[in-house]
Amino acid sequence: MYYNNNFPESFFKKGHSNLTWGTVLLGSVLFFLAIFIFVYPALIAYLIATIILFAGLFALVIGWKLWKFRNAIIKLDSLEGEHSYNRASGTVRSHFTYIRW
């Protein structure tokens, strides 16, 4: 008797194969990392220092972007509705634009 099977057998084989190879690959990477750490104990310090270095660089980049954003907002706020006697000497408006409808 023929049964209607919507899932082909290769569907389960491929999923199991991917899961198996992923587990074997992860296990082998962790195994070799453990061997390297036992052979070179300073490797732990290098790994931790690398993580701290990249975290610091990431924080510096984010801070720099926020600094630039803050300066842009301050610049926009100073141009809007400010009288000439409150303006800094570096910002001089020598022309006016009028739109006539």
PDB file of N, CA and C in Angstrom:
ATOM      1  N   MET A   1       0.835  -1.160   0.000  1.00  0.00           N
ATOM      2  CA  MET A   1       0.000   0.000   0.000  1.00  0.00           C
ATOM      3  C   MET A   1       0.892   1.239   0.000  1.00  0.00           C
ATOM      4  N   TYR A   2       0.507   2.254  -0.731  1.00  0.00           N
ATOM      5  CA  TYR A   2       1.291   3.487  -0.885  1.00  0.00           C
ATOM      6  C   TYR A   2       0.740   4.550   0.060  1.00  0.00           C
ATOM      7  N   TYR A   3       1.611   5.149   0.872  1.00  0.00           N
ATOM      8  CA  TYR A   3       1.227   6.232   1.770  1.00  0.00           C
ATOM      9  C   TYR A   3       1.765   7.552   1.214  1.00  0.00           C
ATOM     10  N   ASN A   4       0.944   8.585   1.293  1.00  0.00           N
ATOM     11  CA  ASN A   4       1.356   9.885   0.797  1.00  0.00           C
ATOM     12  C   ASN A   4       2.246  10.556   1.847  1.00  0.00           C
ATOM     13  N   ASN A   5       3.523  10.586   1.615  1.00  0.00           N
ATOM     14  CA  ASN A   5       4.484  11.182   2.534  1.00  0.00           C
ATOM     15  C   ASN A   5       4.906  12.528   1.966  1.00  0.00           C
ATOM     16  N   ASN A   6       4.554  13.611   2.668  1.00  0.00           N
ATOM     17  CA  ASN A   6       4.880  14.947   2.180  1.00  0.00           C
ATOM     18  C   ASN A   6       6.339  15.328   2.387  1.00  0.00           C
ATOM     19  N   PHE A   7       7.016  14.663   3.300  1.00  0.00           N
ATOM     20  CA  PHE A   7       8.413  14.960   3.573  1.00  0.00           C
ATOM     21  C   PHE A   7       9.271  13.876   2.945  1.00  0.00           C
ATOM     22  N   PRO A   8      10.094  14.244   1.988  1.00  0.00           N
ATOM     23  CA  PRO A   8      10.975  13.230   1.412  1.00  0.00           C
ATOM     24  C   PRO A   8      12.036  12.814   2.424  1.00  0.00           C
ATOM     25  N   GLU A   9      12.595  11.672   2.209  1.00  0.00           N
ATOM     26  CA  GLU A   9      13.574  11.144   3.146  1.00  0.00           C
ATOM     27  C   GLU A   9      14.837  11.998   3.176  1.00  0.00           C
ATOM     28  N   SER A  10      15.163  12.631   2.059  1.00  0.00           N
ATOM     29  CA  SER A  10      16.374  13.455   2.017  1.00  0.00           C
ATOM     30  C   SER A  10      16.241  14.698   2.897  1.00  0.00           C
ATOM     31  N   PHE A  11      15.007  15.145   3.161  1.00  0.00           N
ATOM     32  CA  PHE A  11      14.786  16.302   4.032  1.00  0.00           C
ATOM     33  C   PHE A  11      15.345  16.027   5.420  1.00  0.00           C
ATOM     34  N   PHE A  12      15.045  14.869   5.962  1.00  0.00           N
ATOM     35  CA  PHE A  12      15.537  14.513   7.295  1.00  0.00           C
ATOM     36  C   PHE A  12      17.021  14.192   7.262  1.00  0.00           C
ATOM     37  N   LYS A  13      17.494  13.601   6.185  1.00  0.00           N
ATOM     38  CA  LYS A  13      18.924  13.288   6.081  1.00  0.00           C
ATOM     39  C   LYS A  13      19.759  14.558   6.041  1.00  0.00           C
ATOM     40  N   LYS A  14      19.313  15.556   5.288  1.00  0.00           N
ATOM     41  CA  LYS A  14      20.075  16.798   5.184  1.00  0.00           C
ATOM     42  C   LYS A  14      20.090  17.545   6.518  1.00  0.00           C
ATOM     43  N   GLY A  15      18.946  17.603   7.194  1.00  0.00           N
ATOM     44  CA  GLY A  15      18.891  18.277   8.486  1.00  0.00           C
ATOM     45  C   GLY A  15      19.773  17.594   9.516  1.00  0.00           C
ATOM     46  N   HIS A  16      19.722  16.269   9.540  1.00  0.00           N
ATOM     47  CA  HIS A  16      20.556  15.528  10.484  1.00  0.00           C
ATOM     48  C   HIS A  16      22.022  15.676  10.135  1.00  0.00           C
ATOM     49  N   SER A  17      22.329  15.676   8.859  1.00  0.00           N
ATOM     50  CA  SER A  17      23.713  15.817   8.430  1.00  0.00           C
ATOM     51  C   SER A  17      24.265  17.191   8.813  1.00  0.00           C
ATOM     52  N   ASN A  18      23.470  18.244   8.591  1.00  0.00           N
ATOM     53  CA  ASN A  18      23.919  19.589   8.965  1.00  0.00           C
ATOM     54  C   ASN A  18      24.113  19.718  10.468  1.00  0.00           C
ATOM     55  N   LEU A  19      23.194  19.170  11.241  1.00  0.00           N
ATOM     56  CA  LEU A  19      23.308  19.220  12.693  1.00  0.00           C
ATOM     57  C   LEU A  19      24.542  18.459  13.174  1.00  0.00           C
ATOM     58  N   THR A  20      24.782  17.312  12.571  1.00  0.00           N
ATOM     59  CA  THR A  20      25.940  16.502  12.952  1.00  0.00           C
ATOM     60  C   THR A  20      27.242  17.206  12.613  1.00  0.00           C
ATOM     61  N   TRP A  21      27.351  17.724  11.390  1.00  0.00           N
ATOM     62  CA  TRP A  21      28.588  18.397  10.986  1.00  0.00           C
ATOM     63  C   TRP A  21      28.804  19.684  11.787  1.00  0.00           C
ATOM     64  N   GLY A  22      27.754  20.390  12.113  1.00  0.00           N
ATOM     65  CA  GLY A  22      27.895  21.591  12.936  1.00  0.00           C
ATOM     66  C   GLY A  22      28.403  21.270  14.329  1.00  0.00           C
ATOM     67  N   THR A  23      27.889  20.184  14.904  1.00  0.00           N
ATOM     68  CA  THR A  23      28.336  19.771  16.231  1.00  0.00           C
ATOM     69  C   THR A  23      29.784  19.304  16.205  1.00  0.00           C
ATOM     70  N   VAL A  24      30.141  18.527  15.186  1.00  0.00           N
ATOM     71  CA  VAL A  24      31.524  18.051  15.057  1.00  0.00           C
ATOM     72  C   VAL A  24      32.476  19.227  14.845  1.00  0.00           C
ATOM     73  N   LEU A  25      32.087  20.190  14.020  1.00  0.00           N
ATOM     74  CA  LEU A  25      32.937  21.349  13.769  1.00  0.00           C
ATOM     75  C   LEU A  25      33.117  22.188  15.033  1.00  0.00           C
ATOM     76  N   LEU A  26      32.030  22.438  15.759  1.00  0.00           N
ATOM     77  CA  LEU A  26      32.126  23.196  17.004  1.00  0.00           C
ATOM     78  C   LEU A  26      32.989  22.464  18.029  1.00  0.00           C
ATOM     79  N   GLY A  27      32.791  21.169  18.151  1.00  0.00           N
ATOM     80  CA  GLY A  27      33.587  20.386  19.093  1.00  0.00           C
ATOM     81  C   GLY A  27      35.066  20.394  18.741  1.00  0.00           C
ATOM     82  N   SER A  28      35.382  20.283  17.461  1.00  0.00           N
ATOM     83  CA  SER A  28      36.795  20.282  17.065  1.00  0.00           C
ATOM     84  C   SER A  28      37.434  21.651  17.281  1.00  0.00           C
ATOM     85  N   VAL A  29      36.705  22.724  17.005  1.00  0.00           N
ATOM     86  CA  VAL A  29      37.251  24.059  17.252  1.00  0.00           C
ATOM     87  C   VAL A  29      37.505  24.261  18.737  1.00  0.00           C
ATOM     88  N   LEU A  30      36.553  23.862  19.573  1.00  0.00           N
ATOM     89  CA  LEU A  30      36.749  24.006  21.018  1.00  0.00           C
ATOM     90  C   LEU A  30      37.888  23.128  21.522  1.00  0.00           C
ATOM     91  N   PHE A  31      38.027  21.933  20.965  1.00  0.00           N
ATOM     92  CA  PHE A  31      39.104  21.029  21.357  1.00  0.00           C
ATOM     93  C   PHE A  31      40.468  21.638  21.019  1.00  0.00           C
ATOM     94  N   PHE A  32      40.614  22.155  19.794  1.00  0.00           N
ATOM     95  CA  PHE A  32      41.901  22.741  19.405  1.00  0.00           C
ATOM     96  C   PHE A  32      42.173  24.040  20.160  1.00  0.00           C
ATOM     97  N   LEU A  33      41.135  24.794  20.483  1.00  0.00           N
ATOM     98  CA  LEU A  33      41.316  25.990  21.296  1.00  0.00           C
ATOM     99  C   LEU A  33      41.807  25.619  22.695  1.00  0.00           C
ATOM    100  N   ALA A  34      41.261  24.539  23.249  1.00  0.00           N
ATOM    101  CA  ALA A  34      41.721  24.077  24.569  1.00  0.00           C
ATOM    102  C   ALA A  34      43.178  23.623  24.513  1.00  0.00           C
ATOM    103  N   ILE A  35      43.559  22.932  23.442  1.00  0.00           N
ATOM    104  CA  ILE A  35      44.957  22.505  23.298  1.00  0.00           C
ATOM    105  C   ILE A  35      45.872  23.717  23.206  1.00  0.00           C
ATOM    106  N   PHE A  36      45.474  24.716  22.404  1.00  0.00           N
ATOM    107  CA  PHE A  36      46.301  25.917  22.283  1.00  0.00           C
ATOM    108  C   PHE A  36      46.412  26.649  23.610  1.00  0.00           C
ATOM    109  N   ILE A  37      45.356  26.668  24.391  1.00  0.00           N
ATOM    110  CA  ILE A  37      45.406  27.353  25.682  1.00  0.00           C
ATOM    111  C   ILE A  37      46.319  26.602  26.653  1.00  0.00           C
ATOM    112  N   PHE A  38      46.300  25.253  26.611  1.00  0.00           N
ATOM    113  CA  PHE A  38      47.203  24.499  27.477  1.00  0.00           C
ATOM    114  C   PHE A  38      48.654  24.666  27.040  1.00  0.00           C
ATOM    115  N   VAL A  39      48.892  24.734  25.743  1.00  0.00           N
ATOM    116  CA  VAL A  39      50.262  24.881  25.259  1.00  0.00           C
ATOM    117  C   VAL A  39      50.755  26.311  25.469  1.00  0.00           C
ATOM    118  N   TYR A  40      49.905  27.278  25.174  1.00  0.00           N
ATOM    119  CA  TYR A  40      50.262  28.686  25.319  1.00  0.00           C
ATOM    120  C   TYR A  40      49.288  29.339  26.316  1.00  0.00           C
ATOM    121  N   PRO A  41      49.591  29.323  27.615  1.00  0.00           N
ATOM    122  CA  PRO A  41      48.672  29.888  28.607  1.00  0.00           C
ATOM    123  C   PRO A  41      48.435  31.390  28.427  1.00  0.00           C
ATOM    124  N   ALA A  42      49.372  32.057  27.785  1.00  0.00           N
ATOM    125  CA  ALA A  42      49.200  33.490  27.566  1.00  0.00           C
ATOM    126  C   ALA A  42      48.096  33.767  26.546  1.00  0.00           C
ATOM    127  N   LEU A  43      47.653  32.720  25.849  1.00  0.00           N
ATOM    128  CA  LEU A  43      46.596  32.887  24.850  1.00  0.00           C
ATOM    129  C   LEU A  43      45.303  33.368  25.499  1.00  0.00           C
ATOM    130  N   ILE A  44      45.038  32.953  26.733  1.00  0.00           N
ATOM    131  CA  ILE A  44      43.842  33.408  27.443  1.00  0.00           C
ATOM    132  C   ILE A  44      43.897  34.926  27.630  1.00  0.00           C
ATOM    133  N   ALA A  45      45.065  35.405  28.018  1.00  0.00           N
ATOM    134  CA  ALA A  45      45.217  36.853  28.206  1.00  0.00           C
ATOM    135  C   ALA A  45      45.060  37.587  26.879  1.00  0.00           C
ATOM    136  N   TYR A  46      45.592  37.016  25.806  1.00  0.00           N
ATOM    137  CA  TYR A  46      45.446  37.647  24.493  1.00  0.00           C
ATOM    138  C   TYR A  46      43.983  37.705  24.064  1.00  0.00           C
ATOM    139  N   LEU A  47      43.252  36.630  24.307  1.00  0.00           N
ATOM    140  CA  LEU A  47      41.845  36.609  23.935  1.00  0.00           C
ATOM    141  C   LEU A  47      41.050  37.652  24.725  1.00  0.00           C
ATOM    142  N   ILE A  48      41.288  37.723  26.020  1.00  0.00           N
ATOM    143  CA  ILE A  48      40.586  38.685  26.859  1.00  0.00           C
ATOM    144  C   ILE A  48      40.984  40.113  26.476  1.00  0.00           C
ATOM    145  N   ALA A  49      42.282  40.320  26.213  1.00  0.00           N
ATOM    146  CA  ALA A  49      42.744  41.653  25.818  1.00  0.00           C
ATOM    147  C   ALA A  49      42.144  42.062  24.470  1.00  0.00           C
ATOM    148  N   THR A  50      41.982  41.116  23.567  1.00  0.00           N
ATOM    149  CA  THR A  50      41.384  41.419  22.272  1.00  0.00           C
ATOM    150  C   THR A  50      39.926  41.827  22.431  1.00  0.00           C
ATOM    151  N   ILE A  51      39.206  41.116  23.279  1.00  0.00           N
ATOM    152  CA  ILE A  51      37.798  41.459  23.524  1.00  0.00           C
ATOM    153  C   ILE A  51      37.687  42.848  24.142  1.00  0.00           C
ATOM    154  N   ILE A  52      38.557  43.152  25.112  1.00  0.00           N
ATOM    155  CA  ILE A  52      38.537  44.467  25.747  1.00  0.00           C
ATOM    156  C   ILE A  52      38.915  45.550  24.735  1.00  0.00           C
ATOM    157  N   LEU A  53      39.890  45.267  23.876  1.00  0.00           N
ATOM    158  CA  LEU A  53      40.314  46.236  22.866  1.00  0.00           C
ATOM    159  C   LEU A  53      39.176  46.576  21.917  1.00  0.00           C
ATOM    160  N   PHE A  54      38.499  45.549  21.401  1.00  0.00           N
ATOM    161  CA  PHE A  54      37.405  45.810  20.469  1.00  0.00           C
ATOM    162  C   PHE A  54      36.212  46.482  21.154  1.00  0.00           C
ATOM    163  N   ALA A  55      35.963  46.158  22.406  1.00  0.00           N
ATOM    164  CA  ALA A  55      34.886  46.833  23.142  1.00  0.00           C
ATOM    165  C   ALA A  55      35.222  48.306  23.338  1.00  0.00           C
ATOM    166  N   GLY A  56      36.481  48.596  23.642  1.00  0.00           N
ATOM    167  CA  GLY A  56      36.901  49.983  23.792  1.00  0.00           C
ATOM    168  C   GLY A  56      36.819  50.758  22.490  1.00  0.00           C
ATOM    169  N   LEU A  57      37.250  50.143  21.392  1.00  0.00           N
ATOM    170  CA  LEU A  57      37.149  50.805  20.092  1.00  0.00           C
ATOM    171  C   LEU A  57      35.697  51.056  19.712  1.00  0.00           C
ATOM    172  N   PHE A  58      34.839  50.100  19.989  1.00  0.00           N
ATOM    173  CA  PHE A  58      33.417  50.260  19.698  1.00  0.00           C
ATOM    174  C   PHE A  58      32.832  51.407  20.507  1.00  0.00           C
ATOM    175  N   ALA A  59      33.193  51.496  21.782  1.00  0.00           N
ATOM    176  CA  ALA A  59      32.694  52.587  22.627  1.00  0.00           C
ATOM    177  C   ALA A  59      33.214  53.938  22.140  1.00  0.00           C
ATOM    178  N   LEU A  60      34.476  53.993  21.682  1.00  0.00           N
ATOM    179  CA  LEU A  60      35.021  55.246  21.162  1.00  0.00           C
ATOM    180  C   LEU A  60      34.310  55.681  19.891  1.00  0.00           C
ATOM    181  N   VAL A  61      34.022  54.756  19.011  1.00  0.00           N
ATOM    182  CA  VAL A  61      33.333  55.089  17.766  1.00  0.00           C
ATOM    183  C   VAL A  61      31.925  55.596  18.057  1.00  0.00           C
ATOM    184  N   ILE A  62      31.222  54.927  18.944  1.00  0.00           N
ATOM    185  CA  ILE A  62      29.868  55.366  19.304  1.00  0.00           C
ATOM    186  C   ILE A  62      29.909  56.744  19.960  1.00  0.00           C
ATOM    187  N   GLY A  63      30.869  56.974  20.849  1.00  0.00           N
ATOM    188  CA  GLY A  63      31.006  58.282  21.482  1.00  0.00           C
ATOM    189  C   GLY A  63      31.321  59.378  20.486  1.00  0.00           C
ATOM    190  N   TRP A  64      32.179  59.078  19.504  1.00  0.00           N
ATOM    191  CA  TRP A  64      32.520  60.065  18.485  1.00  0.00           C
ATOM    192  C   TRP A  64      31.304  60.412  17.633  1.00  0.00           C
ATOM    193  N   LYS A  65      30.520  59.394  17.265  1.00  0.00           N
ATOM    194  CA  LYS A  65      29.304  59.653  16.485  1.00  0.00           C
ATOM    195  C   LYS A  65      28.301  60.485  17.293  1.00  0.00           C
ATOM    196  N   LEU A  66      28.145  60.191  18.575  1.00  0.00           N
ATOM    197  CA  LEU A  66      27.241  60.966  19.417  1.00  0.00           C
ATOM    198  C   LEU A  66      27.741  62.400  19.594  1.00  0.00           C
ATOM    199  N   TRP A  67      29.057  62.576  19.678  1.00  0.00           N
ATOM    200  CA  TRP A  67      29.634  63.903  19.794  1.00  0.00           C
ATOM    201  C   TRP A  67      29.325  64.727  18.543  1.00  0.00           C
ATOM    202  N   LYS A  68      29.504  64.127  17.378  1.00  0.00           N
ATOM    203  CA  LYS A  68      29.207  64.826  16.129  1.00  0.00           C
ATOM    204  C   LYS A  68      27.714  65.146  16.024  1.00  0.00           C
ATOM    205  N   PHE A  69      26.876  64.226  16.453  1.00  0.00           N
ATOM    206  CA  PHE A  69      25.436  64.449  16.422  1.00  0.00           C
ATOM    207  C   PHE A  69      25.045  65.594  17.344  1.00  0.00           C
ATOM    208  N   ARG A  70      25.649  65.635  18.537  1.00  0.00           N
ATOM    209  CA  ARG A  70      25.372  66.719  19.479  1.00  0.00           C
ATOM    210  C   ARG A  70      25.812  68.052  18.911  1.00  0.00           C
ATOM    211  N   ASN A  71      26.981  68.096  18.279  1.00  0.00           N
ATOM    212  CA  ASN A  71      27.454  69.349  17.680  1.00  0.00           C
ATOM    213  C   ASN A  71      26.541  69.808  16.553  1.00  0.00           C
ATOM    214  N   ALA A  72      26.028  68.877  15.771  1.00  0.00           N
ATOM    215  CA  ALA A  72      25.105  69.237  14.693  1.00  0.00           C
ATOM    216  C   ALA A  72      23.808  69.799  15.260  1.00  0.00           C
ATOM    217  N   ILE A  73      23.314  69.235  16.340  1.00  0.00           N
ATOM    218  CA  ILE A  73      22.076  69.732  16.955  1.00  0.00           C
ATOM    219  C   ILE A  73      22.305  71.113  17.573  1.00  0.00           C
ATOM    220  N   ILE A  74      23.439  71.298  18.220  1.00  0.00           N
ATOM    221  CA  ILE A  74      23.751  72.609  18.795  1.00  0.00           C
ATOM    222  C   ILE A  74      23.856  73.652  17.692  1.00  0.00           C
ATOM    223  N   LYS A  75      24.461  73.287  16.578  1.00  0.00           N
ATOM    224  CA  LYS A  75      24.593  74.211  15.456  1.00  0.00           C
ATOM    225  C   LYS A  75      23.222  74.586  14.891  1.00  0.00           C
ATOM    226  N   LEU A  76      22.329  73.614  14.772  1.00  0.00           N
ATOM    227  CA  LEU A  76      20.990  73.901  14.282  1.00  0.00           C
ATOM    228  C   LEU A  76      20.204  74.756  15.262  1.00  0.00           C
ATOM    229  N   ASP A  77      20.348  74.490  16.552  1.00  0.00           N
ATOM    230  CA  ASP A  77      19.639  75.287  17.552  1.00  0.00           C
ATOM    231  C   ASP A  77      20.128  76.724  17.571  1.00  0.00           C
ATOM    232  N   SER A  78      21.418  76.943  17.353  1.00  0.00           N
ATOM    233  CA  SER A  78      21.946  78.301  17.410  1.00  0.00           C
ATOM    234  C   SER A  78      21.532  79.121  16.189  1.00  0.00           C
ATOM    235  N   LEU A  79      21.252  78.476  15.067  1.00  0.00           N
ATOM    236  CA  LEU A  79      20.847  79.207  13.875  1.00  0.00           C
ATOM    237  C   LEU A  79      19.379  79.602  13.909  1.00  0.00           C
ATOM    238  N   GLU A  80      18.606  78.960  14.730  1.00  0.00           N
ATOM    239  CA  GLU A  80      17.160  79.120  14.708  1.00  0.00           C
ATOM    240  C   GLU A  80      16.711  80.152  15.726  1.00  0.00           C
ATOM    241  N   GLY A  81      16.154  81.260  15.257  1.00  0.00           N
ATOM    242  CA  GLY A  81      15.525  82.232  16.131  1.00  0.00           C
ATOM    243  C   GLY A  81      16.431  82.951  17.082  1.00  0.00           C
ATOM    244  N   GLU A  82      17.672  83.113  16.735  1.00  0.00           N
ATOM    245  CA  GLU A  82      18.605  83.784  17.642  1.00  0.00           C
ATOM    246  C   GLU A  82      18.853  85.196  17.137  1.00  0.00           C
ATOM    247  N   HIS A  83      18.889  86.137  18.036  1.00  0.00           N
ATOM    248  CA  HIS A  83      19.157  87.509  17.658  1.00  0.00           C
ATOM    249  C   HIS A  83      20.635  87.695  17.369  1.00  0.00           C
ATOM    250  N   SER A  84      20.939  88.729  16.638  1.00  0.00           N
ATOM    251  CA  SER A  84      22.321  88.940  16.220  1.00  0.00           C
ATOM    252  C   SER A  84      23.234  89.262  17.396  1.00  0.00           C
ATOM    253  N   TYR A  85      22.729  89.877  18.460  1.00  0.00           N
ATOM    254  CA  TYR A  85      23.593  90.208  19.586  1.00  0.00           C
ATOM    255  C   TYR A  85      23.886  88.994  20.464  1.00  0.00           C
ATOM    256  N   ASN A  86      23.107  87.898  20.316  1.00  0.00           N
ATOM    257  CA  ASN A  86      23.379  86.675  21.072  1.00  0.00           C
ATOM    258  C   ASN A  86      24.279  85.721  20.303  1.00  0.00           C
ATOM    259  N   ARG A  87      24.434  85.974  19.042  1.00  0.00           N
ATOM    260  CA  ARG A  87      25.199  85.067  18.194  1.00  0.00           C
ATOM    261  C   ARG A  87      26.694  85.239  18.432  1.00  0.00           C
ATOM    262  N   ALA A  88      27.438  84.156  18.228  1.00  0.00           N
ATOM    263  CA  ALA A  88      28.884  84.233  18.340  1.00  0.00           C
ATOM    264  C   ALA A  88      29.430  85.048  17.178  1.00  0.00           C
ATOM    265  N   SER A  89      30.639  85.569  17.348  1.00  0.00           N
ATOM    266  CA  SER A  89      31.200  86.439  16.321  1.00  0.00           C
ATOM    267  C   SER A  89      31.521  85.676  15.042  1.00  0.00           C
ATOM    268  N   GLY A  90      31.689  84.383  15.116  1.00  0.00           N
ATOM    269  CA  GLY A  90      32.022  83.587  13.932  1.00  0.00           C
ATOM    270  C   GLY A  90      30.850  83.374  12.998  1.00  0.00           C
ATOM    271  N   THR A  91      29.626  83.535  13.486  1.00  0.00           N
ATOM    272  CA  THR A  91      28.458  83.317  12.637  1.00  0.00           C
ATOM    273  C   THR A  91      27.895  84.666  12.210  1.00  0.00           C
ATOM    274  N   VAL A  92      28.172  85.021  11.001  1.00  0.00           N
ATOM    275  CA  VAL A  92      27.718  86.304  10.469  1.00  0.00           C
ATOM    276  C   VAL A  92      26.756  86.030   9.334  1.00  0.00           C
ATOM    277  N   ARG A  93      25.578  86.644   9.427  1.00  0.00           N
ATOM    278  CA  ARG A  93      24.606  86.516   8.345  1.00  0.00           C
ATOM    279  C   ARG A  93      24.614  87.823   7.567  1.00  0.00           C
ATOM    280  N   SER A  94      25.156  87.768   6.384  1.00  0.00           N
ATOM    281  CA  SER A  94      25.265  88.998   5.617  1.00  0.00           C
ATOM    282  C   SER A  94      24.204  89.101   4.533  1.00  0.00           C
ATOM    283  N   HIS A  95      23.392  88.085   4.352  1.00  0.00           N
ATOM    284  CA  HIS A  95      22.377  88.151   3.308  1.00  0.00           C
ATOM    285  C   HIS A  95      21.052  87.620   3.850  1.00  0.00           C
ATOM    286  N   PHE A  96      19.984  88.087   3.231  1.00  0.00           N
ATOM    287  CA  PHE A  96      18.648  87.650   3.602  1.00  0.00           C
ATOM    288  C   PHE A  96      17.969  87.107   2.359  1.00  0.00           C
ATOM    289  N   THR A  97      17.190  86.064   2.524  1.00  0.00           N
ATOM    290  CA  THR A  97      16.455  85.488   1.405  1.00  0.00           C
ATOM    291  C   THR A  97      14.978  85.696   1.661  1.00  0.00           C
ATOM    292  N   TYR A  98      14.310  86.306   0.696  1.00  0.00           N
ATOM    293  CA  TYR A  98      12.880  86.525   0.801  1.00  0.00           C
ATOM    294  C   TYR A  98      12.193  85.729  -0.296  1.00  0.00           C
ATOM    295  N   ILE A  99      11.121  85.071   0.064  1.00  0.00           N
ATOM    296  CA  ILE A  99      10.310  84.353  -0.915  1.00  0.00           C
ATOM    297  C   ILE A  99       8.992  85.076  -1.032  1.00  0.00           C
ATOM    298  N   ARG A 100       8.653  85.482  -2.228  1.00  0.00           N
ATOM    299  CA  ARG A 100       7.429  86.216  -2.442  1.00  0.00           C
ATOM    300  C   ARG A 100       6.446  85.340  -3.188  1.00  0.00           C
ATOM    301  N   TRP A 101       5.265  85.210  -2.654  1.00  0.00           N
ATOM    302  CA  TRP A 101       4.247  84.359  -3.301  1.00  0.00           C
ATOM    303  C   TRP A 101       3.326  85.177  -4.141  1.00  0.00           C
TER     304      TRP A 101
END
